[in-house]
């Protein structure tokens, strides 16, 4: 029985795919003398932390703040264009109403995740603070299992009671390494890369079918 459902943030709860275009355009604007990189090169950044993205794109430490500014402007400016996927907030409210505990597993830091409060609306307050794994609370981000093990420890539960919902191969590998069930949120996928999973969710409502058949309703 799944008692806890943990969600990836970007690409699962919120459509942040514009980030890829922002990175692609900002990188070439800031580094016109570097070899041009195809759009596809920036897709993996969608699943990375900011630190991992800067390393992947070889951004010098002294230029990191400038790079962030050129790509995204102020953080609030970028988030203003981001919306939650249709139906996902309603699904989370329903799960909470049935006693399912809700949490987050994101590559953002805590400050970055807090910026999602506007998009998540009242659902933000349904999340349990102890079940929010951000990159500043763990040693290694996804695809390492640290984040889910952190949540398991905080929740005082068995890993079999947790269902992780995500949209990327990093999410899937994190779940596998932690021994956790994984549901692939196909609505948020930005790549055709095969993603190993226990469940394929074509739309948010499919999650209710997975969880509800394991609890008495």
Protein backbone atom coordinates (compact mmCIF):
# COMPACT_ATOMS: atom_id res chain seq x y z
CA UNK A 1 0.00 0.00 0.00
CA UNK A 2 1.35 3.42 -0.93
CA UNK A 3 0.99 5.78 1.99
CA UNK A 4 3.30 8.46 0.61
CA UNK A 5 3.46 9.95 -2.89
CA UNK A 6 6.56 11.96 -3.71
CA UNK A 7 6.63 14.24 -6.74
CA UNK A 8 9.45 15.59 -8.82
CA UNK A 9 8.86 19.31 -9.31
CA UNK A 10 9.96 20.58 -12.74
CA UNK A 11 8.42 18.57 -15.54
CA UNK A 12 6.05 16.67 -13.27
CA UNK A 13 4.15 19.32 -11.34
CA UNK A 14 5.10 22.33 -13.41
CA UNK A 15 5.82 22.83 -17.08
CA UNK A 16 9.30 24.37 -16.99
CA UNK A 17 10.32 23.20 -20.45
CA UNK A 18 10.87 26.83 -21.46
CA UNK A 19 14.00 26.60 -19.33
CA UNK A 20 15.70 24.62 -22.10
CA UNK A 21 15.14 27.42 -24.61
CA UNK A 22 16.31 30.03 -22.10
CA UNK A 23 19.53 28.09 -21.53
CA UNK A 24 20.08 27.50 -25.24
CA UNK A 25 19.63 31.17 -26.12
CA UNK A 26 21.46 32.54 -23.07
CA UNK A 27 24.47 30.27 -23.57
CA UNK A 28 24.98 31.33 -27.17
CA UNK A 29 24.41 34.98 -26.33
CA UNK A 30 27.02 34.93 -23.56
CA UNK A 31 29.52 32.74 -25.43
CA UNK A 32 29.34 33.64 -29.13
CA UNK A 33 32.95 32.55 -29.66
CA UNK A 34 32.39 29.01 -28.37
CA UNK A 35 31.35 26.22 -30.67
CA UNK A 36 27.59 26.36 -31.21
CA UNK A 37 25.71 23.59 -29.41
CA UNK A 38 22.45 22.08 -30.67
CA UNK A 39 19.22 22.49 -28.73
CA UNK A 40 19.33 18.79 -27.84
CA UNK A 41 22.53 19.34 -25.87
CA UNK A 42 20.60 21.43 -23.36
CA UNK A 43 17.76 18.97 -22.74
CA UNK A 44 19.61 17.07 -19.95
CA UNK A 45 19.87 20.37 -18.04
CA UNK A 46 16.14 20.05 -17.40
CA UNK A 47 16.90 17.31 -14.89
CA UNK A 48 20.01 18.80 -13.31
CA UNK A 49 20.60 21.06 -10.36
CA UNK A 50 21.91 24.56 -11.12
CA UNK A 51 25.39 23.48 -10.00
CA UNK A 52 25.33 20.41 -12.27
CA UNK A 53 24.08 22.49 -15.20
CA UNK A 54 26.90 25.01 -14.85
CA UNK A 55 29.47 22.20 -14.71
CA UNK A 56 27.90 20.44 -17.70
CA UNK A 57 28.03 23.65 -19.76
CA UNK A 58 31.51 24.58 -18.50
CA UNK A 59 30.48 27.90 -16.98
CA UNK A 60 33.46 29.43 -15.09
CA UNK A 61 32.76 30.13 -11.39
CA UNK A 62 33.29 33.86 -11.83
CA UNK A 63 30.64 33.97 -14.59
CA UNK A 64 27.94 31.89 -12.91
CA UNK A 65 25.87 34.81 -11.66
CA UNK A 66 26.09 36.53 -15.04
CA UNK A 67 25.09 33.32 -16.83
CA UNK A 68 22.03 32.95 -14.60
CA UNK A 69 21.07 36.56 -15.22
CA UNK A 70 21.48 36.34 -19.00
CA UNK A 71 19.44 33.13 -19.24
CA UNK A 72 16.66 33.81 -16.77
CA UNK A 73 16.79 37.37 -15.51
CA UNK A 74 15.49 37.52 -11.97
CA UNK A 75 14.14 34.20 -10.67
CA UNK A 76 10.69 35.68 -10.16
CA UNK A 77 10.64 36.83 -13.79
CA UNK A 78 11.19 33.29 -15.07
CA UNK A 79 8.68 31.73 -12.68
CA UNK A 80 5.98 34.19 -13.74
CA UNK A 81 5.73 32.32 -17.07
CA UNK A 82 5.54 28.87 -15.46
CA UNK A 83 2.27 27.07 -14.75
CA UNK A 84 1.28 23.79 -13.15
CA UNK A 85 0.25 21.04 -15.55
CA UNK A 86 -3.50 20.75 -16.07
CA UNK A 87 -5.12 18.49 -13.49
CA UNK A 88 -2.11 17.77 -11.30
CA UNK A 89 -3.11 20.03 -8.41
CA UNK A 90 -6.60 18.51 -8.31
CA UNK A 91 -5.06 15.04 -8.15
CA UNK A 92 -2.82 16.07 -5.25
CA UNK A 93 -5.79 17.51 -3.36
CA UNK A 94 -7.68 14.25 -3.85
CA UNK A 95 -4.78 12.14 -2.64
CA UNK A 96 -4.40 14.30 0.46
CA UNK A 97 -8.13 14.03 1.16
CA UNK A 98 -7.75 10.24 1.25
CA UNK A 99 -4.95 10.45 3.76
CA UNK A 100 -2.00 10.07 1.39
CA UNK A 101 1.05 11.99 2.57
CA UNK A 102 2.59 14.25 -0.07
CA UNK A 103 6.22 15.26 -0.60
CA UNK A 104 8.72 16.61 -3.13
CA UNK A 105 12.00 15.32 -4.53
CA UNK A 106 13.64 18.09 -6.53
CA UNK A 107 17.08 19.12 -7.74
CA UNK A 108 16.27 22.71 -6.73
CA UNK A 109 17.53 24.10 -3.45
CA UNK A 110 15.01 25.07 -0.78
CA UNK A 111 14.94 28.70 -1.84
CA UNK A 112 14.38 27.70 -5.45
CA UNK A 113 11.55 25.37 -4.55
CA UNK A 114 9.89 28.09 -2.46
CA UNK A 115 9.47 30.07 -5.70
CA UNK A 116 6.92 27.45 -6.78
CA UNK A 117 4.45 28.48 -4.09
CA UNK A 118 2.45 30.65 -6.50
CA UNK A 119 2.14 27.86 -9.06
CA UNK A 120 1.23 25.19 -6.49
CA UNK A 121 -1.36 27.39 -4.79
CA UNK A 122 -2.97 25.76 -1.72
CA UNK A 123 -1.30 22.44 -2.53
CA UNK A 124 2.00 23.94 -1.37
CA UNK A 125 0.61 23.86 2.18
CA UNK A 126 -0.47 20.22 1.83
CA UNK A 127 3.15 19.13 1.41
CA UNK A 128 4.91 17.88 4.53
CA UNK A 129 8.08 19.81 5.29
CA UNK A 130 9.86 16.63 6.40
CA UNK A 131 9.05 15.02 3.04
CA UNK A 132 10.65 17.73 0.89
CA UNK A 133 14.09 16.72 -0.40
CA UNK A 134 15.98 19.62 -1.96
CA UNK A 135 19.60 19.56 -3.07
CA UNK A 136 20.78 21.42 0.02
CA UNK A 137 19.43 18.72 2.34
CA UNK A 138 21.28 15.75 0.81
CA UNK A 139 24.81 14.78 -0.21
CA UNK A 140 24.07 13.62 -3.76
CA UNK A 141 21.21 14.63 -6.04
CA UNK A 142 19.28 12.40 -8.46
CA UNK A 143 19.99 9.89 -9.93
CA UNK A 144 21.63 8.94 -6.61
CA UNK A 145 19.12 7.49 -4.12
CA UNK A 146 19.99 9.92 -1.29
CA UNK A 147 16.87 12.06 -1.70
CA UNK A 148 14.42 9.16 -1.40
CA UNK A 149 16.35 7.63 1.47
CA UNK A 150 16.24 11.01 3.19
CA UNK A 151 12.46 11.10 2.77
CA UNK A 152 12.09 7.51 3.96
CA UNK A 153 14.05 8.29 7.10
CA UNK A 154 12.05 11.43 7.77
CA UNK A 155 8.77 9.59 7.18
CA UNK A 156 9.68 6.64 9.44
CA UNK A 157 8.32 4.22 6.86
CA UNK A 158 9.35 1.33 4.67
CA UNK A 159 10.43 2.22 1.14
CA UNK A 160 7.65 -0.02 -0.21
CA UNK A 161 5.13 2.53 1.11
CA UNK A 162 6.52 5.28 -1.13
CA UNK A 163 5.57 5.95 -4.76
CA UNK A 164 7.81 8.40 -6.59
CA UNK A 165 6.31 10.27 -9.56
CA UNK A 166 8.72 11.84 -12.05
CA UNK A 167 9.30 12.62 -15.71
CA UNK A 168 12.96 11.80 -16.39
CA UNK A 169 15.51 9.03 -16.52
CA UNK A 170 17.24 10.58 -13.49
CA UNK A 171 14.01 10.24 -11.52
CA UNK A 172 13.65 6.62 -12.61
CA UNK A 173 17.23 5.71 -11.73
CA UNK A 174 16.89 7.42 -8.35
CA UNK A 175 13.82 5.33 -7.55
CA UNK A 176 15.47 2.12 -8.71
CA UNK A 177 18.59 2.76 -6.63
CA UNK A 178 16.45 3.47 -3.57
CA UNK A 179 14.27 0.40 -4.09
CA UNK A 180 11.21 2.59 -4.55
CA UNK A 181 8.26 2.19 -6.94
CA UNK A 182 8.32 4.68 -9.79
CA UNK A 183 5.49 6.17 -11.87
CA UNK A 184 6.54 7.86 -15.12
CA UNK A 185 4.68 11.16 -15.64
CA UNK A 186 4.69 11.05 -19.41
CA UNK A 187 2.91 14.39 -19.75
CA UNK A 188 6.07 16.21 -18.70
CA UNK A 189 8.70 14.26 -20.63
CA UNK A 190 10.88 16.37 -22.96
CA UNK A 191 12.82 13.45 -24.41
CA UNK A 192 11.96 10.18 -26.18
CA UNK A 193 14.55 8.35 -24.09
CA UNK A 194 13.13 5.09 -22.64
CA UNK A 195 12.34 5.45 -18.95
CA UNK A 196 12.12 2.27 -16.82
CA UNK A 197 9.12 2.40 -14.53
CA UNK A 198 6.49 0.46 -12.61
CA UNK A 199 3.63 2.58 -13.97
CA UNK A 200 3.17 4.82 -17.00
CA UNK A 201 0.94 7.82 -16.37
CA UNK A 202 -0.39 9.40 -19.54
CA UNK A 203 -2.22 12.10 -17.60
CA UNK A 204 -2.40 13.15 -13.93
CA UNK A 205 -5.71 11.36 -13.29
CA UNK A 206 -3.97 8.04 -14.00
CA UNK A 207 -2.13 8.45 -10.70
CA UNK A 208 -5.41 8.16 -8.80
CA UNK A 209 -6.05 4.77 -10.41
CA UNK A 210 -2.63 3.53 -9.32
CA UNK A 211 -2.91 4.72 -5.72
CA UNK A 212 -6.61 4.22 -5.09
CA UNK A 213 -6.61 0.59 -6.10
CA UNK A 214 -4.15 -0.01 -3.29
CA UNK A 215 -6.27 1.65 -0.58
CA UNK A 216 -9.86 1.25 0.48
CA UNK A 217 -12.05 4.01 -0.95
